[in-house]
C-alpha atoms as a PDB file:
ATOM      1  CA  UNK A   1      -4.776  19.659  13.912  1.00  0.00           C
ATOM      2  CA  UNK A   2      -6.045  15.941  13.189  1.00  0.00           C
ATOM      3  CA  UNK A   3      -9.747  15.543  13.124  1.00  0.00           C
ATOM      4  CA  UNK A   4     -11.655  13.556  15.589  1.00  0.00           C
ATOM      5  CA  UNK A   5     -14.278  10.789  14.808  1.00  0.00           C
ATOM      6  CA  UNK A   6     -17.022  13.342  15.831  1.00  0.00           C
ATOM      7  CA  UNK A   7     -15.711  16.154  13.490  1.00  0.00           C
ATOM      8  CA  UNK A   8     -15.182  13.579  10.642  1.00  0.00           C
ATOM      9  CA  UNK A   9     -18.852  12.297  10.969  1.00  0.00           C
ATOM     10  CA  UNK A  10     -20.132  15.819  11.103  1.00  0.00           C
ATOM     11  CA  UNK A  11     -18.180  16.920   8.035  1.00  0.00           C
ATOM     12  CA  UNK A  12     -19.357  13.811   6.044  1.00  0.00           C
ATOM     13  CA  UNK A  13     -22.947  14.480   7.097  1.00  0.00           C
ATOM     14  CA  UNK A  14     -22.686  18.109   5.995  1.00  0.00           C
ATOM     15  CA  UNK A  15     -20.969  16.950   2.707  1.00  0.00           C
ATOM     16  CA  UNK A  16     -17.832  18.801   3.116  1.00  0.00           C
ATOM     17  CA  UNK A  17     -16.069  15.394   2.997  1.00  0.00           C
ATOM     18  CA  UNK A  18     -17.341  12.755   0.522  1.00  0.00           C
ATOM     19  CA  UNK A  19     -16.655   9.155   0.883  1.00  0.00           C
ATOM     20  CA  UNK A  20     -18.688   6.836  -1.626  1.00  0.00           C
ATOM     21  CA  UNK A  21     -19.770   4.313  -0.741  1.00  0.00           C
ATOM     22  CA  UNK A  22     -19.775   5.498   3.126  1.00  0.00           C
ATOM     23  CA  UNK A  23     -20.165   3.066   5.898  1.00  0.00           C
ATOM     24  CA  UNK A  24     -20.397   4.761   9.351  1.00  0.00           C
ATOM     25  CA  UNK A  25     -19.014   1.728  11.006  1.00  0.00           C
ATOM     26  CA  UNK A  26     -15.683   2.431   9.220  1.00  0.00           C
ATOM     27  CA  UNK A  27     -15.071   5.608  11.376  1.00  0.00           C
ATOM     28  CA  UNK A  28     -12.244   5.150  13.916  1.00  0.00           C
ATOM     29  CA  UNK A  29     -11.346   7.524  16.640  1.00  0.00           C
ATOM     30  CA  UNK A  30      -9.292   9.740  14.334  1.00  0.00           C
ATOM     31  CA  UNK A  31      -9.700   8.350  10.826  1.00  0.00           C
ATOM     32  CA  UNK A  32     -11.877   6.386   8.479  1.00  0.00           C
ATOM     33  CA  UNK A  33     -11.135   2.930   7.297  1.00  0.00           C
ATOM     34  CA  UNK A  34     -11.014   2.458   3.559  1.00  0.00           C
ATOM     35  CA  UNK A  35     -11.421  -0.846   1.784  1.00  0.00           C
ATOM     36  CA  UNK A  36      -9.586  -2.384  -1.156  1.00  0.00           C
ATOM     37  CA  UNK A  37     -11.456  -2.745  -4.575  1.00  0.00           C
ATOM     38  CA  UNK A  38     -11.272  -5.745  -6.823  1.00  0.00           C
ATOM     39  CA  UNK A  39      -9.007  -4.217  -9.585  1.00  0.00           C
ATOM     40  CA  UNK A  40      -5.309  -4.397  -9.482  1.00  0.00           C
ATOM     41  CA  UNK A  41      -2.659  -3.261 -11.953  1.00  0.00           C
ATOM     42  CA  UNK A  42       0.061  -5.884 -12.150  1.00  0.00           C
ATOM     43  CA  UNK A  43       3.408  -4.995 -13.652  1.00  0.00           C
ATOM     44  CA  UNK A  44       4.549  -6.992 -16.797  1.00  0.00           C
ATOM     45  CA  UNK A  45       8.329  -6.657 -16.882  1.00  0.00           C
ATOM     46  CA  UNK A  46       8.427  -8.120 -20.391  1.00  0.00           C
ATOM     47  CA  UNK A  47       7.006  -5.190 -21.853  1.00  0.00           C
ATOM     48  CA  UNK A  48       9.958  -2.832 -21.693  1.00  0.00           C
ATOM     49  CA  UNK A  49      13.672  -3.261 -20.865  1.00  0.00           C
ATOM     50  CA  UNK A  50      13.454  -0.420 -18.261  1.00  0.00           C
ATOM     51  CA  UNK A  51      11.196   2.359 -16.994  1.00  0.00           C
ATOM     52  CA  UNK A  52      11.738   5.674 -18.584  1.00  0.00           C
ATOM     53  CA  UNK A  53      10.036   8.295 -16.557  1.00  0.00           C
ATOM     54  CA  UNK A  54       9.964  10.837 -19.612  1.00  0.00           C
ATOM     55  CA  UNK A  55       7.867   8.366 -21.763  1.00  0.00           C
ATOM     56  CA  UNK A  56       4.420   7.054 -21.303  1.00  0.00           C
ATOM     57  CA  UNK A  57       4.840   3.288 -21.078  1.00  0.00           C
ATOM     58  CA  UNK A  58       2.327   0.533 -21.125  1.00  0.00           C
ATOM     59  CA  UNK A  59       3.990  -1.401 -18.052  1.00  0.00           C
ATOM     60  CA  UNK A  60       0.880  -2.850 -16.345  1.00  0.00           C
ATOM     61  CA  UNK A  61      -2.186  -5.217 -16.981  1.00  0.00           C
ATOM     62  CA  UNK A  62      -5.665  -4.550 -15.242  1.00  0.00           C
ATOM     63  CA  UNK A  63      -6.566  -7.720 -13.313  1.00  0.00           C
ATOM     64  CA  UNK A  64     -10.120  -7.860 -11.821  1.00  0.00           C
ATOM     65  CA  UNK A  65     -10.693 -10.451  -8.891  1.00  0.00           C
ATOM     66  CA  UNK A  66     -13.968 -12.326  -9.197  1.00  0.00           C
ATOM     67  CA  UNK A  67     -16.283 -13.069  -6.356  1.00  0.00           C
ATOM     68  CA  UNK A  68     -14.806 -14.259  -3.187  1.00  0.00           C
ATOM     69  CA  UNK A  69     -11.379 -15.145  -4.814  1.00  0.00           C
ATOM     70  CA  UNK A  70      -8.338 -13.524  -3.309  1.00  0.00           C
ATOM     71  CA  UNK A  71      -5.797 -11.509  -5.042  1.00  0.00           C
ATOM     72  CA  UNK A  72      -2.402 -13.083  -4.025  1.00  0.00           C
ATOM     73  CA  UNK A  73       0.530 -10.805  -3.521  1.00  0.00           C
ATOM     74  CA  UNK A  74       3.709 -12.682  -3.561  1.00  0.00           C
ATOM     75  CA  UNK A  75       6.930 -11.721  -1.593  1.00  0.00           C
ATOM     76  CA  UNK A  76       8.823  -8.941  -3.226  1.00  0.00           C
ATOM     77  CA  UNK A  77       5.933  -8.086  -5.567  1.00  0.00           C
ATOM     78  CA  UNK A  78       4.628  -4.587  -6.253  1.00  0.00           C
ATOM     79  CA  UNK A  79       1.266  -3.929  -7.659  1.00  0.00           C
ATOM     80  CA  UNK A  80      -1.179  -1.020  -7.800  1.00  0.00           C
ATOM     81  CA  UNK A  81      -4.691  -1.337  -6.206  1.00  0.00           C
ATOM     82  CA  UNK A  82      -7.213   1.163  -5.286  1.00  0.00           C
ATOM     83  CA  UNK A  83      -9.696   2.121  -2.509  1.00  0.00           C
ATOM     84  CA  UNK A  84     -13.292   0.953  -2.894  1.00  0.00           C
ATOM     85  CA  UNK A  85     -14.357   4.282  -1.893  1.00  0.00           C
ATOM     86  CA  UNK A  86     -14.162   7.575  -3.979  1.00  0.00           C
ATOM     87  CA  UNK A  87     -12.798  10.453  -1.623  1.00  0.00           C
ATOM     88  CA  UNK A  88     -13.474  14.141  -2.151  1.00  0.00           C
ATOM     89  CA  UNK A  89     -11.872  16.923  -0.013  1.00  0.00           C
ATOM     90  CA  UNK A  90     -12.771  20.674   0.510  1.00  0.00           C
ATOM     91  CA  UNK A  91     -10.009  23.157  -0.167  1.00  0.00           C
ATOM     92  CA  UNK A  92      -9.401  23.546   3.648  1.00  0.00           C
ATOM     93  CA  UNK A  93      -8.498  19.825   4.506  1.00  0.00           C
ATOM     94  CA  UNK A  94      -5.665  17.523   3.596  1.00  0.00           C
ATOM     95  CA  UNK A  95      -5.496  13.853   4.235  1.00  0.00           C
ATOM     96  CA  UNK A  96      -3.186  11.119   4.986  1.00  0.00           C
ATOM     97  CA  UNK A  97      -3.344   7.437   3.961  1.00  0.00           C
ATOM     98  CA  UNK A  98      -1.751   4.930   6.259  1.00  0.00           C
ATOM     99  CA  UNK A  99      -1.900   1.173   6.498  1.00  0.00           C
ATOM    100  CA  UNK A 100      -3.670  -0.905   8.931  1.00  0.00           C
ATOM    101  CA  UNK A 101      -1.312  -2.157  11.643  1.00  0.00           C
ATOM    102  CA  UNK A 102      -2.576  -5.641  11.702  1.00  0.00           C
ATOM    103  CA  UNK A 103      -1.757  -5.934   7.968  1.00  0.00           C
ATOM    104  CA  UNK A 104       1.587  -4.193   8.373  1.00  0.00           C
ATOM    105  CA  UNK A 105       2.446  -6.898  11.078  1.00  0.00           C
ATOM    106  CA  UNK A 106       1.917  -9.400   8.330  1.00  0.00           C
ATOM    107  CA  UNK A 107       4.428  -7.529   5.834  1.00  0.00           C
ATOM    108  CA  UNK A 108       1.570  -5.780   3.752  1.00  0.00           C
ATOM    109  CA  UNK A 109       2.659  -2.110   2.828  1.00  0.00           C
ATOM    110  CA  UNK A 110      -0.024  -0.142   0.999  1.00  0.00           C
ATOM    111  CA  UNK A 111       1.844   2.722   0.049  1.00  0.00           C
ATOM    112  CA  UNK A 112       5.584   3.664  -1.018  1.00  0.00           C
ATOM    113  CA  UNK A 113       5.451   7.445  -0.943  1.00  0.00           C
ATOM    114  CA  UNK A 114       2.030   8.506  -2.099  1.00  0.00           C
ATOM    115  CA  UNK A 115       0.122   8.723   1.243  1.00  0.00           C
ATOM    116  CA  UNK A 116      -0.577  12.359   1.092  1.00  0.00           C
ATOM    117  CA  UNK A 117      -4.050  13.519  -0.433  1.00  0.00           C
ATOM    118  CA  UNK A 118      -4.272  17.276  -1.280  1.00  0.00           C
ATOM    119  CA  UNK A 119      -7.052  19.624  -0.591  1.00  0.00           C
ATOM    120  CA  UNK A 120      -9.451  19.438  -3.517  1.00  0.00           C
ATOM    121  CA  UNK A 121      -8.745  15.941  -4.548  1.00  0.00           C
ATOM    122  CA  UNK A 122     -11.616  13.865  -5.847  1.00  0.00           C
ATOM    123  CA  UNK A 123     -11.095  10.142  -6.868  1.00  0.00           C
ATOM    124  CA  UNK A 124     -10.360   6.760  -5.821  1.00  0.00           C
ATOM    125  CA  UNK A 125      -7.005   6.581  -3.885  1.00  0.00           C
ATOM    126  CA  UNK A 126      -4.550   4.385  -5.646  1.00  0.00           C
ATOM    127  CA  UNK A 127      -2.596   1.993  -3.281  1.00  0.00           C
ATOM    128  CA  UNK A 128       1.051   1.025  -3.916  1.00  0.00           C
ATOM    129  CA  UNK A 129       0.881  -2.644  -2.513  1.00  0.00           C
ATOM    130  CA  UNK A 130       4.160  -4.378  -1.472  1.00  0.00           C
ATOM    131  CA  UNK A 131       4.612  -7.711   0.245  1.00  0.00           C
ATOM    132  CA  UNK A 132       7.727  -7.410   2.480  1.00  0.00           C
ATOM    133  CA  UNK A 133       7.020 -10.866   4.041  1.00  0.00           C
ATOM    134  CA  UNK A 134       8.406 -14.212   3.140  1.00  0.00           C
ATOM    135  CA  UNK A 135       5.016 -15.771   2.263  1.00  0.00           C
ATOM    136  CA  UNK A 136       2.329 -14.611  -0.055  1.00  0.00           C
ATOM    137  CA  UNK A 137      -0.430 -12.512   1.312  1.00  0.00           C
ATOM    138  CA  UNK A 138      -4.112 -12.758   0.346  1.00  0.00           C
ATOM    139  CA  UNK A 139      -6.092  -9.625  -0.344  1.00  0.00           C
ATOM    140  CA  UNK A 140      -9.730  -9.775  -0.634  1.00  0.00           C
ATOM    141  CA  UNK A 141     -12.195  -7.402  -2.253  1.00  0.00           C
ATOM    142  CA  UNK A 142     -13.958  -5.051   0.318  1.00  0.00           C
ATOM    143  CA  UNK A 143     -11.534  -5.786   3.364  1.00  0.00           C
ATOM    144  CA  UNK A 144     -10.414  -2.761   5.075  1.00  0.00           C
ATOM    145  CA  UNK A 145      -6.863  -2.194   3.862  1.00  0.00           C
ATOM    146  CA  UNK A 146      -5.866   1.375   5.341  1.00  0.00           C
ATOM    147  CA  UNK A 147      -7.153   4.453   6.991  1.00  0.00           C
ATOM    148  CA  UNK A 148      -7.394   8.028   6.152  1.00  0.00           C
ATOM    149  CA  UNK A 149      -6.942  10.780   8.648  1.00  0.00           C
ATOM    150  CA  UNK A 150      -7.683  14.467   8.135  1.00  0.00           C
ATOM    151  CA  UNK A 151      -6.067  17.572   9.056  1.00  0.00           C
ATOM    152  CA  UNK A 152      -7.142  21.290   8.923  1.00  0.00           C
ATOM    153  CA  UNK A 153      -5.296  23.762   6.825  1.00  0.00           C
ATOM    154  CA  UNK A 154      -4.465  27.086   8.433  1.00  0.00           C
ATOM    155  CA  UNK A 155      -6.691  28.645   5.662  1.00  0.00           C
ATOM    156  CA  UNK A 156      -8.183  27.250   2.430  1.00  0.00           C
ATOM    157  CA  UNK A 157      -5.735  26.374  -0.248  1.00  0.00           C
ATOM    158  CA  UNK A 158      -5.507  29.020  -3.009  1.00  0.00           C
ATOM    159  CA  UNK A 159      -5.082  26.468  -5.615  1.00  0.00           C
ATOM    160  CA  UNK A 160      -6.676  23.133  -4.558  1.00  0.00           C
ATOM    161  CA  UNK A 161      -5.968  19.988  -6.426  1.00  0.00           C
ATOM    162  CA  UNK A 162      -7.953  20.067  -9.549  1.00  0.00           C
ATOM    163  CA  UNK A 163      -7.771  23.760 -10.173  1.00  0.00           C
ATOM    164  CA  UNK A 164      -6.688  25.106 -13.494  1.00  0.00           C
ATOM    165  CA  UNK A 165      -3.368  26.376 -12.258  1.00  0.00           C
ATOM    166  CA  UNK A 166      -2.113  22.779 -11.430  1.00  0.00           C
ATOM    167  CA  UNK A 167      -1.536  19.858 -13.527  1.00  0.00           C
ATOM    168  CA  UNK A 168      -3.394  17.618 -11.177  1.00  0.00           C
ATOM    169  CA  UNK A 169      -2.809  14.520 -13.137  1.00  0.00           C
ATOM    170  CA  UNK A 170      -4.849  12.180 -10.936  1.00  0.00           C
ATOM    171  CA  UNK A 171      -7.993  14.305 -10.371  1.00  0.00           C
ATOM    172  CA  UNK A 172     -11.085  12.177 -10.894  1.00  0.00           C
ATOM    173  CA  UNK A 173      -9.174   8.826 -11.151  1.00  0.00           C
ATOM    174  CA  UNK A 174     -11.114   5.548 -10.979  1.00  0.00           C
ATOM    175  CA  UNK A 175      -9.612   2.413 -10.023  1.00  0.00           C
ATOM    176  CA  UNK A 176      -5.660   1.883  -9.731  1.00  0.00           C
ATOM    177  CA  UNK A 177      -4.037   4.488 -11.860  1.00  0.00           C
ATOM    178  CA  UNK A 178      -0.576   4.011 -13.187  1.00  0.00           C
ATOM    179  CA  UNK A 179       2.066   6.700 -13.099  1.00  0.00           C
ATOM    180  CA  UNK A 180       1.523   9.820 -15.240  1.00  0.00           C
ATOM    181  CA  UNK A 181       4.987  11.189 -14.291  1.00  0.00           C
ATOM    182  CA  UNK A 182       5.955  11.411 -18.018  1.00  0.00           C
ATOM    183  CA  UNK A 183       3.496  14.318 -18.200  1.00  0.00           C
ATOM    184  CA  UNK A 184       5.670  16.397 -16.149  1.00  0.00           C
ATOM    185  CA  UNK A 185       8.158  16.389 -19.120  1.00  0.00           C
ATOM    186  CA  UNK A 186       5.579  17.279 -21.697  1.00  0.00           C
ATOM    187  CA  UNK A 187       4.310  20.201 -19.456  1.00  0.00           C
ATOM    188  CA  UNK A 188       8.102  21.398 -19.164  1.00  0.00           C
ATOM    189  CA  UNK A 189       8.043  20.887 -15.399  1.00  0.00           C
END
């Protein structure tokens, strides 16, 4: 079941869902808008001849956008960003991140595959930003860039994200966080 605006507002007020900083005007009929932060991870293709998923690689450079200057995402470019908001979910809710339709109509995609947020997650949500348009797109700090909807689990998760039984590589992440897939190989997964 997808939660309504009234249920979302109540769960935020009760502290079961945490969104920080929180702005009540961002609550939509069945979601909460999230805004983009000022930090981006830009891929530097000259640092490695290829991406080896088994090895930790320094493939990105952290870029901070100052003041009211936009980040310009060029056609075909892929960068990592993050939500301005830190999100924490209880062990009985999951969440989905989706793009804003008005931005999608301009060619801005905000995630490739990582739109699912597990119960127990706590951190900033990393955005996988792609420009599929033919012109550059500006991205301004603080602009609404996506929306998070919430769904009730049939019962609380036995092992929520961040529990000791899971690797939970991104628990507590701050800002755009590069892939930690290589840790799967270290753990023997």
